[in-house]
């Protein structure tokens, strides 16, 4: 029985090293997809963990308001005071940024939206 792609010079695509046929690639993709499903079901893939209010460790943060407006870079204590006066939480959105980006949001609603987004 012949190969799916009998003439490698006529292929319009490249196969990964070690694959002789497109069938090998498709079988690998199916195996990886089933692995991802098994990891999600077993709980090894978790939703991201966000630092909220007093758990934020950076001395200064860039603050984004409730409606998406930039409020600037400020000390965490000032940002927490602003969040408390608004009746919302200060959530660290991007911890690896310099300075970290935090947002003024209701954390319950934010967590619900993130859960729906990951599903």
C-alpha atoms as a PDB file:
ATOM      1  CA  UNK A   1       0.000   0.000   0.000  1.00  0.00           C
ATOM      2  CA  UNK A   2       1.302   3.411  -0.921  1.00  0.00           C
ATOM      3  CA  UNK A   3       1.855   6.494   1.125  1.00  0.00           C
ATOM      4  CA  UNK A   4      -0.633   9.362   1.291  1.00  0.00           C
ATOM      5  CA  UNK A   5       2.057  11.653  -0.072  1.00  0.00           C
ATOM      6  CA  UNK A   6       4.007   9.545  -2.586  1.00  0.00           C
ATOM      7  CA  UNK A   7       6.272  12.329  -3.865  1.00  0.00           C
ATOM      8  CA  UNK A   8       7.790  14.460  -1.073  1.00  0.00           C
ATOM      9  CA  UNK A   9       8.898  17.128  -3.545  1.00  0.00           C
ATOM     10  CA  UNK A  10       5.277  17.788  -4.566  1.00  0.00           C
ATOM     11  CA  UNK A  11       4.056  18.315  -0.985  1.00  0.00           C
ATOM     12  CA  UNK A  12       2.938  21.831  -0.206  1.00  0.00           C
ATOM     13  CA  UNK A  13       3.713  21.405   3.510  1.00  0.00           C
ATOM     14  CA  UNK A  14       6.515  20.184   5.756  1.00  0.00           C
ATOM     15  CA  UNK A  15       6.262  17.210   8.083  1.00  0.00           C
ATOM     16  CA  UNK A  16       7.922  17.240  11.514  1.00  0.00           C
ATOM     17  CA  UNK A  17      11.148  15.249  11.846  1.00  0.00           C
ATOM     18  CA  UNK A  18      10.558  11.535  12.319  1.00  0.00           C
ATOM     19  CA  UNK A  19       7.184  11.491  10.518  1.00  0.00           C
ATOM     20  CA  UNK A  20       7.059   9.641   7.232  1.00  0.00           C
ATOM     21  CA  UNK A  21       3.449  10.387   6.473  1.00  0.00           C
ATOM     22  CA  UNK A  22       0.664  12.808   7.187  1.00  0.00           C
ATOM     23  CA  UNK A  23      -1.038   9.919   9.001  1.00  0.00           C
ATOM     24  CA  UNK A  24       1.729  10.017  11.665  1.00  0.00           C
ATOM     25  CA  UNK A  25       1.087  13.713  12.264  1.00  0.00           C
ATOM     26  CA  UNK A  26      -2.681  13.236  12.514  1.00  0.00           C
ATOM     27  CA  UNK A  27      -2.273  10.365  14.989  1.00  0.00           C
ATOM     28  CA  UNK A  28       0.029  12.504  17.159  1.00  0.00           C
ATOM     29  CA  UNK A  29      -2.512  15.360  17.169  1.00  0.00           C
ATOM     30  CA  UNK A  30      -5.299  12.988  18.208  1.00  0.00           C
ATOM     31  CA  UNK A  31      -3.129  11.623  21.028  1.00  0.00           C
ATOM     32  CA  UNK A  32      -2.293  15.133  22.271  1.00  0.00           C
ATOM     33  CA  UNK A  33      -5.958  16.171  22.172  1.00  0.00           C
ATOM     34  CA  UNK A  34      -6.965  13.171  24.264  1.00  0.00           C
ATOM     35  CA  UNK A  35      -4.130  13.948  26.698  1.00  0.00           C
ATOM     36  CA  UNK A  36      -5.408  17.531  27.111  1.00  0.00           C
ATOM     37  CA  UNK A  37      -8.929  16.244  27.793  1.00  0.00           C
ATOM     38  CA  UNK A  38      -7.621  13.791  30.386  1.00  0.00           C
ATOM     39  CA  UNK A  39      -5.592  16.511  32.124  1.00  0.00           C
ATOM     40  CA  UNK A  40      -8.599  18.840  32.299  1.00  0.00           C
ATOM     41  CA  UNK A  41     -10.789  16.069  33.701  1.00  0.00           C
ATOM     42  CA  UNK A  42      -8.201  15.011  36.286  1.00  0.00           C
ATOM     43  CA  UNK A  43      -7.857  18.575  37.574  1.00  0.00           C
ATOM     44  CA  UNK A  44      -4.181  19.027  36.649  1.00  0.00           C
ATOM     45  CA  UNK A  45      -5.007  22.084  34.541  1.00  0.00           C
ATOM     46  CA  UNK A  46      -6.268  24.750  36.903  1.00  0.00           C
ATOM     47  CA  UNK A  47      -7.733  28.172  36.451  1.00  0.00           C
ATOM     48  CA  UNK A  48      -5.256  31.005  37.048  1.00  0.00           C
ATOM     49  CA  UNK A  49      -4.926  32.245  40.624  1.00  0.00           C
ATOM     50  CA  UNK A  50      -5.266  35.987  41.141  1.00  0.00           C
ATOM     51  CA  UNK A  51      -3.934  37.986  44.055  1.00  0.00           C
ATOM     52  CA  UNK A  52      -6.627  40.129  45.603  1.00  0.00           C
ATOM     53  CA  UNK A  53      -6.458  43.143  47.949  1.00  0.00           C
ATOM     54  CA  UNK A  54      -3.963  42.490  50.772  1.00  0.00           C
ATOM     55  CA  UNK A  55      -2.254  39.573  48.996  1.00  0.00           C
ATOM     56  CA  UNK A  56      -0.689  41.868  46.359  1.00  0.00           C
ATOM     57  CA  UNK A  57       3.039  41.996  47.117  1.00  0.00           C
ATOM     58  CA  UNK A  58       4.356  44.700  44.786  1.00  0.00           C
ATOM     59  CA  UNK A  59       5.077  48.127  46.309  1.00  0.00           C
ATOM     60  CA  UNK A  60       3.676  49.989  43.291  1.00  0.00           C
ATOM     61  CA  UNK A  61       1.036  48.968  40.774  1.00  0.00           C
ATOM     62  CA  UNK A  62      -0.538  50.357  37.649  1.00  0.00           C
ATOM     63  CA  UNK A  63      -4.253  50.714  38.315  1.00  0.00           C
ATOM     64  CA  UNK A  64      -7.073  50.281  35.814  1.00  0.00           C
ATOM     65  CA  UNK A  65     -10.507  51.564  36.845  1.00  0.00           C
ATOM     66  CA  UNK A  66     -13.874  49.841  36.821  1.00  0.00           C
ATOM     67  CA  UNK A  67     -14.723  51.049  33.325  1.00  0.00           C
ATOM     68  CA  UNK A  68     -11.272  50.327  31.881  1.00  0.00           C
ATOM     69  CA  UNK A  69      -9.803  53.804  32.351  1.00  0.00           C
ATOM     70  CA  UNK A  70      -6.125  54.128  33.297  1.00  0.00           C
ATOM     71  CA  UNK A  71      -5.731  55.615  36.781  1.00  0.00           C
ATOM     72  CA  UNK A  72      -1.934  55.555  36.736  1.00  0.00           C
ATOM     73  CA  UNK A  73       0.880  54.107  38.796  1.00  0.00           C
ATOM     74  CA  UNK A  74       0.415  54.367  42.551  1.00  0.00           C
ATOM     75  CA  UNK A  75       1.342  52.708  45.820  1.00  0.00           C
ATOM     76  CA  UNK A  76      -0.626  49.577  46.728  1.00  0.00           C
ATOM     77  CA  UNK A  77      -1.957  51.240  49.896  1.00  0.00           C
ATOM     78  CA  UNK A  78      -3.447  54.101  47.853  1.00  0.00           C
ATOM     79  CA  UNK A  79      -4.951  51.662  45.333  1.00  0.00           C
ATOM     80  CA  UNK A  80      -6.471  49.596  48.163  1.00  0.00           C
ATOM     81  CA  UNK A  81      -7.929  52.730  49.741  1.00  0.00           C
ATOM     82  CA  UNK A  82      -9.428  53.693  46.366  1.00  0.00           C
ATOM     83  CA  UNK A  83     -10.924  50.202  45.927  1.00  0.00           C
ATOM     84  CA  UNK A  84     -12.372  50.203  49.439  1.00  0.00           C
ATOM     85  CA  UNK A  85     -13.973  53.613  48.942  1.00  0.00           C
ATOM     86  CA  UNK A  86     -15.558  52.389  45.683  1.00  0.00           C
ATOM     87  CA  UNK A  87     -16.794  49.173  47.311  1.00  0.00           C
ATOM     88  CA  UNK A  88     -14.856  46.869  44.963  1.00  0.00           C
ATOM     89  CA  UNK A  89     -11.713  44.729  45.113  1.00  0.00           C
ATOM     90  CA  UNK A  90      -8.206  45.355  43.827  1.00  0.00           C
ATOM     91  CA  UNK A  91      -7.251  42.358  41.640  1.00  0.00           C
ATOM     92  CA  UNK A  92      -3.774  41.782  40.221  1.00  0.00           C
ATOM     93  CA  UNK A  93      -4.386  41.071  36.522  1.00  0.00           C
ATOM     94  CA  UNK A  94      -0.837  40.950  35.152  1.00  0.00           C
ATOM     95  CA  UNK A  95       1.690  40.108  37.883  1.00  0.00           C
ATOM     96  CA  UNK A  96       4.728  39.903  35.572  1.00  0.00           C
ATOM     97  CA  UNK A  97       4.368  43.399  34.127  1.00  0.00           C
ATOM     98  CA  UNK A  98       6.639  46.176  35.384  1.00  0.00           C
ATOM     99  CA  UNK A  99       4.877  47.526  37.466  1.00  0.00           C
ATOM    100  CA  UNK A 100       2.159  44.872  37.930  1.00  0.00           C
ATOM    101  CA  UNK A 101      -1.273  45.775  36.558  1.00  0.00           C
ATOM    102  CA  UNK A 102      -4.202  45.739  38.975  1.00  0.00           C
ATOM    103  CA  UNK A 103      -7.843  46.367  38.285  1.00  0.00           C
ATOM    104  CA  UNK A 104     -10.694  47.681  40.409  1.00  0.00           C
ATOM    105  CA  UNK A 105     -13.450  45.060  40.016  1.00  0.00           C
ATOM    106  CA  UNK A 106     -15.976  43.066  42.003  1.00  0.00           C
ATOM    107  CA  UNK A 107     -13.949  39.872  42.472  1.00  0.00           C
ATOM    108  CA  UNK A 108     -16.996  37.561  42.521  1.00  0.00           C
ATOM    109  CA  UNK A 109     -18.156  38.783  39.107  1.00  0.00           C
ATOM    110  CA  UNK A 110     -14.605  38.734  37.782  1.00  0.00           C
ATOM    111  CA  UNK A 111     -14.056  35.117  38.870  1.00  0.00           C
ATOM    112  CA  UNK A 112     -17.400  34.092  37.319  1.00  0.00           C
ATOM    113  CA  UNK A 113     -16.469  35.691  33.978  1.00  0.00           C
ATOM    114  CA  UNK A 114     -13.037  34.045  33.997  1.00  0.00           C
ATOM    115  CA  UNK A 115     -14.573  30.628  34.728  1.00  0.00           C
ATOM    116  CA  UNK A 116     -16.980  31.033  31.805  1.00  0.00           C
ATOM    117  CA  UNK A 117     -14.134  32.170  29.582  1.00  0.00           C
ATOM    118  CA  UNK A 118     -11.974  29.123  30.393  1.00  0.00           C
ATOM    119  CA  UNK A 119     -14.882  26.731  29.776  1.00  0.00           C
END
